[in-house]
């Protein structure tokens, strides 16, 4: 049984579970690559660059049924736009925990 997180993607791909796994794995790898860049940009006060990456990742998250993660990326974008580094870092770590939960679901695919 496919978890609801992956159901939209599963339906878009005509039930091809292999493709769902591959896209999910690619998305997870992209998160692992891009998320640390966001933190580095925040520490370097390069908020516009961090916001671009957060925006890109938010779009990718929309392929999955992850409304809390989407909201987290929206909030992160807003915090970066207002250059609120302290809160942006807090949300960064919140998103990291959400990604761990996504990874745990992905293992069961």
PDB file of N, CA and C in Angstrom:
ATOM      1  N   UNK A   1       0.852  -1.190   0.000  1.00  0.00           N
ATOM      2  CA  UNK A   1       0.000   0.000   0.000  1.00  0.00           C
ATOM      3  C   UNK A   1       0.888   1.240   0.000  1.00  0.00           C
ATOM      4  N   UNK A   2       0.566   2.161  -0.848  1.00  0.00           N
ATOM      5  CA  UNK A   2       1.344   3.391  -0.982  1.00  0.00           C
ATOM      6  C   UNK A   2       0.872   4.416   0.051  1.00  0.00           C
ATOM      7  N   UNK A   3       1.804   5.050   0.729  1.00  0.00           N
ATOM      8  CA  UNK A   3       1.470   6.064   1.727  1.00  0.00           C
ATOM      9  C   UNK A   3       0.863   7.280   1.033  1.00  0.00           C
ATOM     10  N   UNK A   4      -0.037   7.969   1.723  1.00  0.00           N
ATOM     11  CA  UNK A   4      -0.720   9.129   1.119  1.00  0.00           C
ATOM     12  C   UNK A   4       0.244  10.222   0.704  1.00  0.00           C
ATOM     13  N   UNK A   5       1.412  10.274   1.333  1.00  0.00           N
ATOM     14  CA  UNK A   5       2.421  11.264   0.965  1.00  0.00           C
ATOM     15  C   UNK A   5       2.801  11.124  -0.508  1.00  0.00           C
ATOM     16  N   UNK A   6       2.799   9.896  -0.990  1.00  0.00           N
ATOM     17  CA  UNK A   6       3.248   9.615  -2.350  1.00  0.00           C
ATOM     18  C   UNK A   6       2.091   9.394  -3.329  1.00  0.00           C
ATOM     19  N   UNK A   7       0.860   9.431  -2.834  1.00  0.00           N
ATOM     20  CA  UNK A   7      -0.295   9.051  -3.643  1.00  0.00           C
ATOM     21  C   UNK A   7      -0.484   9.933  -4.875  1.00  0.00           C
ATOM     22  N   UNK A   8      -0.354  11.243  -4.740  1.00  0.00           N
ATOM     23  CA  UNK A   8      -0.518  12.141  -5.885  1.00  0.00           C
ATOM     24  C   UNK A   8       0.498  11.807  -6.977  1.00  0.00           C
ATOM     25  N   UNK A   9       1.737  11.648  -6.570  1.00  0.00           N
ATOM     26  CA  UNK A   9       2.792  11.304  -7.520  1.00  0.00           C
ATOM     27  C   UNK A   9       2.526   9.936  -8.142  1.00  0.00           C
ATOM     28  N   UNK A  10       2.095   8.995  -7.340  1.00  0.00           N
ATOM     29  CA  UNK A  10       1.763   7.642  -7.803  1.00  0.00           C
ATOM     30  C   UNK A  10       0.682   7.709  -8.880  1.00  0.00           C
ATOM     31  N   UNK A  11      -0.343   8.514  -8.638  1.00  0.00           N
ATOM     32  CA  UNK A  11      -1.422   8.655  -9.620  1.00  0.00           C
ATOM     33  C   UNK A  11      -0.942   9.362 -10.887  1.00  0.00           C
ATOM     34  N   UNK A  12      -0.117  10.387 -10.736  1.00  0.00           N
ATOM     35  CA  UNK A  12       0.415  11.092 -11.908  1.00  0.00           C
ATOM     36  C   UNK A  12       1.273  10.184 -12.781  1.00  0.00           C
ATOM     37  N   UNK A  13       1.901   9.203 -12.139  1.00  0.00           N
ATOM     38  CA  UNK A  13       2.787   8.290 -12.861  1.00  0.00           C
ATOM     39  C   UNK A  13       2.104   6.970 -13.200  1.00  0.00           C
ATOM     40  N   UNK A  14       0.772   6.996 -13.238  1.00  0.00           N
ATOM     41  CA  UNK A  14      -0.028   5.826 -13.612  1.00  0.00           C
ATOM     42  C   UNK A  14       0.326   4.574 -12.813  1.00  0.00           C
ATOM     43  N   UNK A  15       0.579   4.775 -11.516  1.00  0.00           N
ATOM     44  CA  UNK A  15       0.824   3.630 -10.638  1.00  0.00           C
ATOM     45  C   UNK A  15       2.200   3.004 -10.746  1.00  0.00           C
ATOM     46  N   UNK A  16       3.139   3.698 -11.353  1.00  0.00           N
ATOM     47  CA  UNK A  16       4.498   3.169 -11.506  1.00  0.00           C
ATOM     48  C   UNK A  16       5.274   3.395 -10.208  1.00  0.00           C
ATOM     49  N   UNK A  17       5.237   2.399  -9.328  1.00  0.00           N
ATOM     50  CA  UNK A  17       5.867   2.531  -8.021  1.00  0.00           C
ATOM     51  C   UNK A  17       7.382   2.703  -8.135  1.00  0.00           C
ATOM     52  N   UNK A  18       7.986   2.095  -9.128  1.00  0.00           N
ATOM     53  CA  UNK A  18       9.424   2.259  -9.344  1.00  0.00           C
ATOM     54  C   UNK A  18       9.780   3.709  -9.631  1.00  0.00           C
ATOM     55  N   UNK A  19       8.958   4.364 -10.456  1.00  0.00           N
ATOM     56  CA  UNK A  19       9.197   5.777 -10.773  1.00  0.00           C
ATOM     57  C   UNK A  19       8.981   6.652  -9.541  1.00  0.00           C
ATOM     58  N   UNK A  20       7.982   6.306  -8.722  1.00  0.00           N
ATOM     59  CA  UNK A  20       7.735   7.051  -7.486  1.00  0.00           C
ATOM     60  C   UNK A  20       8.952   6.952  -6.577  1.00  0.00           C
ATOM     61  N   UNK A  21       9.508   5.758  -6.449  1.00  0.00           N
ATOM     62  CA  UNK A  21      10.708   5.559  -5.628  1.00  0.00           C
ATOM     63  C   UNK A  21      11.867   6.390  -6.149  1.00  0.00           C
ATOM     64  N   UNK A  22      12.061   6.352  -7.463  1.00  0.00           N
ATOM     65  CA  UNK A  22      13.177   7.076  -8.065  1.00  0.00           C
ATOM     66  C   UNK A  22      13.036   8.591  -7.871  1.00  0.00           C
ATOM     67  N   UNK A  23      11.858   9.114  -8.121  1.00  0.00           N
ATOM     68  CA  UNK A  23      11.626  10.554  -7.962  1.00  0.00           C
ATOM     69  C   UNK A  23      11.758  10.944  -6.496  1.00  0.00           C
ATOM     70  N   UNK A  24      11.241  10.122  -5.603  1.00  0.00           N
ATOM     71  CA  UNK A  24      11.346  10.401  -4.163  1.00  0.00           C
ATOM     72  C   UNK A  24      12.799  10.404  -3.723  1.00  0.00           C
ATOM     73  N   UNK A  25      13.563   9.445  -4.197  1.00  0.00           N
ATOM     74  CA  UNK A  25      14.987   9.368  -3.857  1.00  0.00           C
ATOM     75  C   UNK A  25      15.736  10.589  -4.399  1.00  0.00           C
ATOM     76  N   UNK A  26      15.434  10.973  -5.652  1.00  0.00           N
ATOM     77  CA  UNK A  26      16.074  12.158  -6.237  1.00  0.00           C
ATOM     78  C   UNK A  26      15.726  13.419  -5.455  1.00  0.00           C
ATOM     79  N   UNK A  27      14.462  13.534  -5.051  1.00  0.00           N
ATOM     80  CA  UNK A  27      14.023  14.683  -4.264  1.00  0.00           C
ATOM     81  C   UNK A  27      14.759  14.711  -2.921  1.00  0.00           C
ATOM     82  N   UNK A  28      14.838  13.578  -2.263  1.00  0.00           N
ATOM     83  CA  UNK A  28      15.535  13.507  -0.978  1.00  0.00           C
ATOM     84  C   UNK A  28      17.010  13.904  -1.141  1.00  0.00           C
ATOM     85  N   UNK A  29      17.647  13.393  -2.182  1.00  0.00           N
ATOM     86  CA  UNK A  29      19.053  13.742  -2.433  1.00  0.00           C
ATOM     87  C   UNK A  29      19.211  15.231  -2.698  1.00  0.00           C
ATOM     88  N   UNK A  30      18.254  15.816  -3.415  1.00  0.00           N
ATOM     89  CA  UNK A  30      18.305  17.257  -3.675  1.00  0.00           C
ATOM     90  C   UNK A  30      18.172  18.046  -2.374  1.00  0.00           C
ATOM     91  N   UNK A  31      17.279  17.598  -1.497  1.00  0.00           N
ATOM     92  CA  UNK A  31      17.140  18.236  -0.189  1.00  0.00           C
ATOM     93  C   UNK A  31      18.453  18.162   0.590  1.00  0.00           C
ATOM     94  N   UNK A  32      19.070  16.994   0.570  1.00  0.00           N
ATOM     95  CA  UNK A  32      20.326  16.796   1.306  1.00  0.00           C
ATOM     96  C   UNK A  32      21.436  17.692   0.756  1.00  0.00           C
ATOM     97  N   UNK A  33      21.382  17.972  -0.524  1.00  0.00           N
ATOM     98  CA  UNK A  33      22.391  18.828  -1.155  1.00  0.00           C
ATOM     99  C   UNK A  33      22.104  20.310  -0.930  1.00  0.00           C
ATOM    100  N   UNK A  34      20.846  20.697  -1.077  1.00  0.00           N
ATOM    101  CA  UNK A  34      20.500  22.117  -1.050  1.00  0.00           C
ATOM    102  C   UNK A  34      20.280  22.685   0.350  1.00  0.00           C
ATOM    103  N   UNK A  35      19.798  21.886   1.265  1.00  0.00           N
ATOM    104  CA  UNK A  35      19.481  22.422   2.586  1.00  0.00           C
ATOM    105  C   UNK A  35      20.716  22.997   3.296  1.00  0.00           C
ATOM    106  N   UNK A  36      21.856  22.312   3.285  1.00  0.00           N
ATOM    107  CA  UNK A  36      23.043  22.909   3.913  1.00  0.00           C
ATOM    108  C   UNK A  36      23.475  24.225   3.254  1.00  0.00           C
ATOM    109  N   UNK A  37      23.220  24.345   1.963  1.00  0.00           N
ATOM    110  CA  UNK A  37      23.540  25.605   1.267  1.00  0.00           C
ATOM    111  C   UNK A  37      22.711  26.744   1.825  1.00  0.00           C
ATOM    112  N   UNK A  38      21.434  26.459   2.149  1.00  0.00           N
ATOM    113  CA  UNK A  38      20.588  27.490   2.747  1.00  0.00           C
ATOM    114  C   UNK A  38      21.204  27.975   4.049  1.00  0.00           C
ATOM    115  N   UNK A  39      21.605  27.044   4.900  1.00  0.00           N
ATOM    116  CA  UNK A  39      22.195  27.415   6.186  1.00  0.00           C
ATOM    117  C   UNK A  39      23.477  28.224   5.992  1.00  0.00           C
ATOM    118  N   UNK A  40      24.316  27.811   5.061  1.00  0.00           N
ATOM    119  CA  UNK A  40      25.542  28.572   4.782  1.00  0.00           C
ATOM    120  C   UNK A  40      25.231  29.978   4.312  1.00  0.00           C
ATOM    121  N   UNK A  41      24.226  30.110   3.451  1.00  0.00           N
ATOM    122  CA  UNK A  41      23.840  31.445   2.978  1.00  0.00           C
ATOM    123  C   UNK A  41      23.289  32.296   4.118  1.00  0.00           C
ATOM    124  N   UNK A  42      22.540  31.703   5.010  1.00  0.00           N
ATOM    125  CA  UNK A  42      22.017  32.464   6.158  1.00  0.00           C
ATOM    126  C   UNK A  42      23.184  32.977   7.003  1.00  0.00           C
ATOM    127  N   UNK A  43      24.112  32.090   7.307  1.00  0.00           N
ATOM    128  CA  UNK A  43      25.272  32.496   8.114  1.00  0.00           C
ATOM    129  C   UNK A  43      26.091  33.575   7.410  1.00  0.00           C
ATOM    130  N   UNK A  44      26.107  33.542   6.095  1.00  0.00           N
ATOM    131  CA  UNK A  44      26.825  34.555   5.320  1.00  0.00           C
ATOM    132  C   UNK A  44      25.987  35.784   5.010  1.00  0.00           C
ATOM    133  N   UNK A  45      24.786  35.845   5.570  1.00  0.00           N
ATOM    134  CA  UNK A  45      23.847  36.960   5.351  1.00  0.00           C
ATOM    135  C   UNK A  45      23.504  37.151   3.872  1.00  0.00           C
ATOM    136  N   UNK A  46      23.504  36.047   3.132  1.00  0.00           N
ATOM    137  CA  UNK A  46      23.130  36.052   1.719  1.00  0.00           C
ATOM    138  C   UNK A  46      21.685  35.546   1.625  1.00  0.00           C
ATOM    139  N   UNK A  47      20.796  36.351   2.150  1.00  0.00           N
ATOM    140  CA  UNK A  47      19.403  35.937   2.301  1.00  0.00           C
ATOM    141  C   UNK A  47      18.702  35.703   0.964  1.00  0.00           C
ATOM    142  N   UNK A  48      19.000  36.506  -0.026  1.00  0.00           N
ATOM    143  CA  UNK A  48      18.348  36.344  -1.332  1.00  0.00           C
ATOM    144  C   UNK A  48      18.719  34.994  -1.959  1.00  0.00           C
ATOM    145  N   UNK A  49      19.973  34.598  -1.828  1.00  0.00           N
ATOM    146  CA  UNK A  49      20.400  33.307  -2.366  1.00  0.00           C
ATOM    147  C   UNK A  49      19.730  32.155  -1.610  1.00  0.00           C
ATOM    148  N   UNK A  50      19.650  32.283  -0.299  1.00  0.00           N
ATOM    149  CA  UNK A  50      18.986  31.253   0.503  1.00  0.00           C
ATOM    150  C   UNK A  50      17.509  31.161   0.141  1.00  0.00           C
ATOM    151  N   UNK A  51      16.881  32.305  -0.081  1.00  0.00           N
ATOM    152  CA  UNK A  51      15.455  32.346  -0.424  1.00  0.00           C
ATOM    153  C   UNK A  51      15.197  31.675  -1.771  1.00  0.00           C
ATOM    154  N   UNK A  52      16.092  31.857  -2.740  1.00  0.00           N
ATOM    155  CA  UNK A  52      15.934  31.210  -4.050  1.00  0.00           C
ATOM    156  C   UNK A  52      15.917  29.692  -3.916  1.00  0.00           C
ATOM    157  N   UNK A  53      16.814  29.168  -3.101  1.00  0.00           N
ATOM    158  CA  UNK A  53      16.872  27.719  -2.912  1.00  0.00           C
ATOM    159  C   UNK A  53      15.626  27.229  -2.181  1.00  0.00           C
ATOM    160  N   UNK A  54      15.217  27.953  -1.142  1.00  0.00           N
ATOM    161  CA  UNK A  54      14.009  27.571  -0.400  1.00  0.00           C
ATOM    162  C   UNK A  54      12.798  27.572  -1.328  1.00  0.00           C
ATOM    163  N   UNK A  55      12.722  28.546  -2.206  1.00  0.00           N
ATOM    164  CA  UNK A  55      11.600  28.634  -3.150  1.00  0.00           C
ATOM    165  C   UNK A  55      11.606  27.427  -4.102  1.00  0.00           C
ATOM    166  N   UNK A  56      12.762  27.087  -4.593  1.00  0.00           N
ATOM    167  CA  UNK A  56      12.887  25.926  -5.501  1.00  0.00           C
ATOM    168  C   UNK A  56      12.460  24.641  -4.796  1.00  0.00           C
ATOM    169  N   UNK A  57      12.924  24.466  -3.572  1.00  0.00           N
ATOM    170  CA  UNK A  57      12.584  23.255  -2.828  1.00  0.00           C
ATOM    171  C   UNK A  57      11.098  23.205  -2.484  1.00  0.00           C
ATOM    172  N   UNK A  58      10.519  24.361  -2.180  1.00  0.00           N
ATOM    173  CA  UNK A  58       9.077  24.411  -1.902  1.00  0.00           C
ATOM    174  C   UNK A  58       8.299  23.884  -3.100  1.00  0.00           C
ATOM    175  N   UNK A  59       8.696  24.275  -4.295  1.00  0.00           N
ATOM    176  CA  UNK A  59       8.034  23.785  -5.502  1.00  0.00           C
ATOM    177  C   UNK A  59       8.153  22.281  -5.646  1.00  0.00           C
ATOM    178  N   UNK A  60       9.313  21.746  -5.307  1.00  0.00           N
ATOM    179  CA  UNK A  60       9.507  20.294  -5.392  1.00  0.00           C
ATOM    180  C   UNK A  60       8.673  19.552  -4.360  1.00  0.00           C
ATOM    181  N   UNK A  61       8.542  20.115  -3.170  1.00  0.00           N
ATOM    182  CA  UNK A  61       7.759  19.492  -2.107  1.00  0.00           C
ATOM    183  C   UNK A  61       6.301  19.336  -2.532  1.00  0.00           C
ATOM    184  N   UNK A  62       5.838  20.216  -3.400  1.00  0.00           N
ATOM    185  CA  UNK A  62       4.435  20.196  -3.817  1.00  0.00           C
ATOM    186  C   UNK A  62       4.072  18.946  -4.622  1.00  0.00           C
ATOM    187  N   UNK A  63       5.064  18.167  -5.031  1.00  0.00           N
ATOM    188  CA  UNK A  63       4.790  16.898  -5.706  1.00  0.00           C
ATOM    189  C   UNK A  63       4.318  15.818  -4.735  1.00  0.00           C
ATOM    190  N   UNK A  64       4.467  16.104  -3.451  1.00  0.00           N
ATOM    191  CA  UNK A  64       4.125  15.136  -2.412  1.00  0.00           C
ATOM    192  C   UNK A  64       3.053  15.737  -1.514  1.00  0.00           C
ATOM    193  N   UNK A  65       2.354  14.894  -0.789  1.00  0.00           N
ATOM    194  CA  UNK A  65       1.333  15.362   0.149  1.00  0.00           C
ATOM    195  C   UNK A  65       2.017  15.651   1.486  1.00  0.00           C
ATOM    196  N   UNK A  66       2.711  16.785   1.519  1.00  0.00           N
ATOM    197  CA  UNK A  66       3.461  17.204   2.691  1.00  0.00           C
ATOM    198  C   UNK A  66       3.114  18.650   3.043  1.00  0.00           C
ATOM    199  N   UNK A  67       1.852  18.910   3.419  1.00  0.00           N
ATOM    200  CA  UNK A  67       1.428  20.289   3.655  1.00  0.00           C
ATOM    201  C   UNK A  67       2.225  21.005   4.746  1.00  0.00           C
ATOM    202  N   UNK A  68       2.646  20.288   5.777  1.00  0.00           N
ATOM    203  CA  UNK A  68       3.422  20.933   6.839  1.00  0.00           C
ATOM    204  C   UNK A  68       4.789  21.376   6.334  1.00  0.00           C
ATOM    205  N   UNK A  69       5.404  20.549   5.487  1.00  0.00           N
ATOM    206  CA  UNK A  69       6.703  20.928   4.941  1.00  0.00           C
ATOM    207  C   UNK A  69       6.555  22.096   3.967  1.00  0.00           C
ATOM    208  N   UNK A  70       5.486  22.093   3.186  1.00  0.00           N
ATOM    209  CA  UNK A  70       5.242  23.220   2.279  1.00  0.00           C
ATOM    210  C   UNK A  70       5.104  24.501   3.089  1.00  0.00           C
ATOM    211  N   UNK A  71       4.313  24.454   4.163  1.00  0.00           N
ATOM    212  CA  UNK A  71       4.137  25.634   5.022  1.00  0.00           C
ATOM    213  C   UNK A  71       5.460  26.060   5.649  1.00  0.00           C
ATOM    214  N   UNK A  72       6.282  25.103   6.010  1.00  0.00           N
ATOM    215  CA  UNK A  72       7.587  25.430   6.590  1.00  0.00           C
ATOM    216  C   UNK A  72       8.472  26.156   5.587  1.00  0.00           C
ATOM    217  N   UNK A  73       8.459  25.710   4.335  1.00  0.00           N
ATOM    218  CA  UNK A  73       9.256  26.398   3.319  1.00  0.00           C
ATOM    219  C   UNK A  73       8.690  27.783   3.018  1.00  0.00           C
ATOM    220  N   UNK A  74       7.371  27.928   3.055  1.00  0.00           N
ATOM    221  CA  UNK A  74       6.766  29.258   2.862  1.00  0.00           C
ATOM    222  C   UNK A  74       7.219  30.190   3.982  1.00  0.00           C
ATOM    223  N   UNK A  75       7.160  29.697   5.211  1.00  0.00           N
ATOM    224  CA  UNK A  75       7.594  30.508   6.350  1.00  0.00           C
ATOM    225  C   UNK A  75       9.077  30.833   6.249  1.00  0.00           C
ATOM    226  N   UNK A  76       9.883  29.843   5.873  1.00  0.00           N
ATOM    227  CA  UNK A  76      11.315  30.084   5.720  1.00  0.00           C
ATOM    228  C   UNK A  76      11.571  31.163   4.673  1.00  0.00           C
ATOM    229  N   UNK A  77      10.874  31.102   3.558  1.00  0.00           N
ATOM    230  CA  UNK A  77      11.028  32.139   2.526  1.00  0.00           C
ATOM    231  C   UNK A  77      10.703  33.522   3.084  1.00  0.00           C
ATOM    232  N   UNK A  78       9.625  33.611   3.842  1.00  0.00           N
ATOM    233  CA  UNK A  78       9.222  34.896   4.428  1.00  0.00           C
ATOM    234  C   UNK A  78      10.275  35.409   5.414  1.00  0.00           C
ATOM    235  N   UNK A  79      10.798  34.516   6.226  1.00  0.00           N
ATOM    236  CA  UNK A  79      11.828  34.908   7.191  1.00  0.00           C
ATOM    237  C   UNK A  79      13.095  35.362   6.489  1.00  0.00           C
ATOM    238  N   UNK A  80      13.439  34.693   5.409  1.00  0.00           N
ATOM    239  CA  UNK A  80      14.619  35.090   4.645  1.00  0.00           C
ATOM    240  C   UNK A  80      14.397  36.438   3.961  1.00  0.00           C
ATOM    241  N   UNK A  81      13.189  36.663   3.478  1.00  0.00           N
ATOM    242  CA  UNK A  81      12.878  37.947   2.840  1.00  0.00           C
ATOM    243  C   UNK A  81      13.002  39.092   3.843  1.00  0.00           C
ATOM    244  N   UNK A  82      12.663  38.813   5.101  1.00  0.00           N
ATOM    245  CA  UNK A  82      12.764  39.857   6.134  1.00  0.00           C
ATOM    246  C   UNK A  82      14.126  39.829   6.836  1.00  0.00           C
ATOM    247  N   UNK A  83      15.011  38.959   6.370  1.00  0.00           N
ATOM    248  CA  UNK A  83      16.372  38.827   6.893  1.00  0.00           C
ATOM    249  C   UNK A  83      16.391  38.527   8.391  1.00  0.00           C
ATOM    250  N   UNK A  84      15.437  37.713   8.826  1.00  0.00           N
ATOM    251  CA  UNK A  84      15.343  37.290  10.219  1.00  0.00           C
ATOM    252  C   UNK A  84      16.133  35.992  10.375  1.00  0.00           C
ATOM    253  N   UNK A  85      17.436  36.124  10.556  1.00  0.00           N
ATOM    254  CA  UNK A  85      18.337  34.972  10.567  1.00  0.00           C
ATOM    255  C   UNK A  85      18.019  34.004  11.705  1.00  0.00           C
ATOM    256  N   UNK A  86      17.768  34.514  12.882  1.00  0.00           N
ATOM    257  CA  UNK A  86      17.537  33.638  14.037  1.00  0.00           C
ATOM    258  C   UNK A  86      16.334  32.720  13.821  1.00  0.00           C
ATOM    259  N   UNK A  87      15.230  33.288  13.383  1.00  0.00           N
ATOM    260  CA  UNK A  87      14.026  32.478  13.131  1.00  0.00           C
ATOM    261  C   UNK A  87      14.203  31.597  11.902  1.00  0.00           C
ATOM    262  N   UNK A  88      14.921  32.084  10.896  1.00  0.00           N
ATOM    263  CA  UNK A  88      15.167  31.279   9.695  1.00  0.00           C
ATOM    264  C   UNK A  88      15.968  30.033  10.059  1.00  0.00           C
ATOM    265  N   UNK A  89      16.941  30.181  10.936  1.00  0.00           N
ATOM    266  CA  UNK A  89      17.735  29.021  11.360  1.00  0.00           C
ATOM    267  C   UNK A  89      16.863  28.052  12.150  1.00  0.00           C
ATOM    268  N   UNK A  90      15.981  28.576  12.979  1.00  0.00           N
ATOM    269  CA  UNK A  90      15.071  27.712  13.730  1.00  0.00           C
ATOM    270  C   UNK A  90      14.204  26.894  12.760  1.00  0.00           C
ATOM    271  N   UNK A  91      13.679  27.543  11.734  1.00  0.00           N
ATOM    272  CA  UNK A  91      12.862  26.834  10.760  1.00  0.00           C
ATOM    273  C   UNK A  91      13.693  25.882   9.918  1.00  0.00           C
ATOM    274  N   UNK A  92      14.924  26.221   9.656  1.00  0.00           N
ATOM    275  CA  UNK A  92      15.822  25.316   8.944  1.00  0.00           C
ATOM    276  C   UNK A  92      15.882  23.975   9.676  1.00  0.00           C
ATOM    277  N   UNK A  93      16.091  24.016  10.979  1.00  0.00           N
ATOM    278  CA  UNK A  93      16.183  22.772  11.756  1.00  0.00           C
ATOM    279  C   UNK A  93      14.838  22.062  11.857  1.00  0.00           C
ATOM    280  N   UNK A  94      13.772  22.819  11.846  1.00  0.00           N
ATOM    281  CA  UNK A  94      12.433  22.213  11.817  1.00  0.00           C
ATOM    282  C   UNK A  94      12.241  21.443  10.502  1.00  0.00           C
ATOM    283  N   UNK A  95      12.638  22.034   9.408  1.00  0.00           N
ATOM    284  CA  UNK A  95      12.543  21.380   8.105  1.00  0.00           C
ATOM    285  C   UNK A  95      13.435  20.136   8.069  1.00  0.00           C
ATOM    286  N   UNK A  96      14.599  20.212   8.663  1.00  0.00           N
ATOM    287  CA  UNK A  96      15.462  19.030   8.720  1.00  0.00           C
ATOM    288  C   UNK A  96      14.752  17.847   9.367  1.00  0.00           C
ATOM    289  N   UNK A  97      14.011  18.109  10.449  1.00  0.00           N
ATOM    290  CA  UNK A  97      13.292  17.013  11.112  1.00  0.00           C
ATOM    291  C   UNK A  97      12.163  16.493  10.227  1.00  0.00           C
ATOM    292  N   UNK A  98      11.522  17.379   9.465  1.00  0.00           N
ATOM    293  CA  UNK A  98      10.480  16.945   8.538  1.00  0.00           C
ATOM    294  C   UNK A  98      11.080  16.080   7.427  1.00  0.00           C
ATOM    295  N   UNK A  99      12.261  16.405   7.000  1.00  0.00           N
ATOM    296  CA  UNK A  99      12.935  15.627   5.952  1.00  0.00           C
ATOM    297  C   UNK A  99      13.277  14.234   6.481  1.00  0.00           C
ATOM    298  N   UNK A 100      13.671  14.146   7.726  1.00  0.00           N
ATOM    299  CA  UNK A 100      13.938  12.831   8.334  1.00  0.00           C
ATOM    300  C   UNK A 100      12.670  11.985   8.300  1.00  0.00           C
ATOM    301  N   UNK A 101      11.529  12.579   8.622  1.00  0.00           N
ATOM    302  CA  UNK A 101      10.260  11.844   8.579  1.00  0.00           C
ATOM    303  C   UNK A 101       9.942  11.399   7.156  1.00  0.00           C
ATOM    304  N   UNK A 102      10.201  12.271   6.168  1.00  0.00           N
ATOM    305  CA  UNK A 102       9.991  11.914   4.765  1.00  0.00           C
ATOM    306  C   UNK A 102      10.881  10.729   4.401  1.00  0.00           C
ATOM    307  N   UNK A 103      12.117  10.770   4.824  1.00  0.00           N
ATOM    308  CA  UNK A 103      13.054   9.681   4.526  1.00  0.00           C
ATOM    309  C   UNK A 103      12.541   8.364   5.121  1.00  0.00           C
ATOM    310  N   UNK A 104      12.041   8.431   6.343  1.00  0.00           N
ATOM    311  CA  UNK A 104      11.519   7.220   6.981  1.00  0.00           C
ATOM    312  C   UNK A 104      10.347   6.634   6.189  1.00  0.00           C
ATOM    313  N   UNK A 105       9.487   7.492   5.662  1.00  0.00           N
ATOM    314  CA  UNK A 105       8.378   7.012   4.819  1.00  0.00           C
ATOM    315  C   UNK A 105       8.893   6.444   3.507  1.00  0.00           C
ATOM    316  N   UNK A 106       9.907   7.069   2.969  1.00  0.00           N
ATOM    317  CA  UNK A 106      10.475   6.656   1.686  1.00  0.00           C
ATOM    318  C   UNK A 106      11.046   5.240   1.766  1.00  0.00           C
ATOM    319  N   UNK A 107      11.601   4.910   2.909  1.00  0.00           N
ATOM    320  CA  UNK A 107      12.188   3.570   3.093  1.00  0.00           C
ATOM    321  C   UNK A 107      11.140   2.484   2.886  1.00  0.00           C
ATOM    322  N   UNK A 108       9.907   2.789   3.256  1.00  0.00           N
ATOM    323  CA  UNK A 108       8.829   1.794   3.151  1.00  0.00           C
ATOM    324  C   UNK A 108       8.222   1.679   1.753  1.00  0.00           C
ATOM    325  N   UNK A 109       8.671   2.499   0.819  1.00  0.00           N
ATOM    326  CA  UNK A 109       8.115   2.432  -0.544  1.00  0.00           C
ATOM    327  C   UNK A 109       8.439   1.102  -1.201  1.00  0.00           C
TER     328      UNK A 109
END
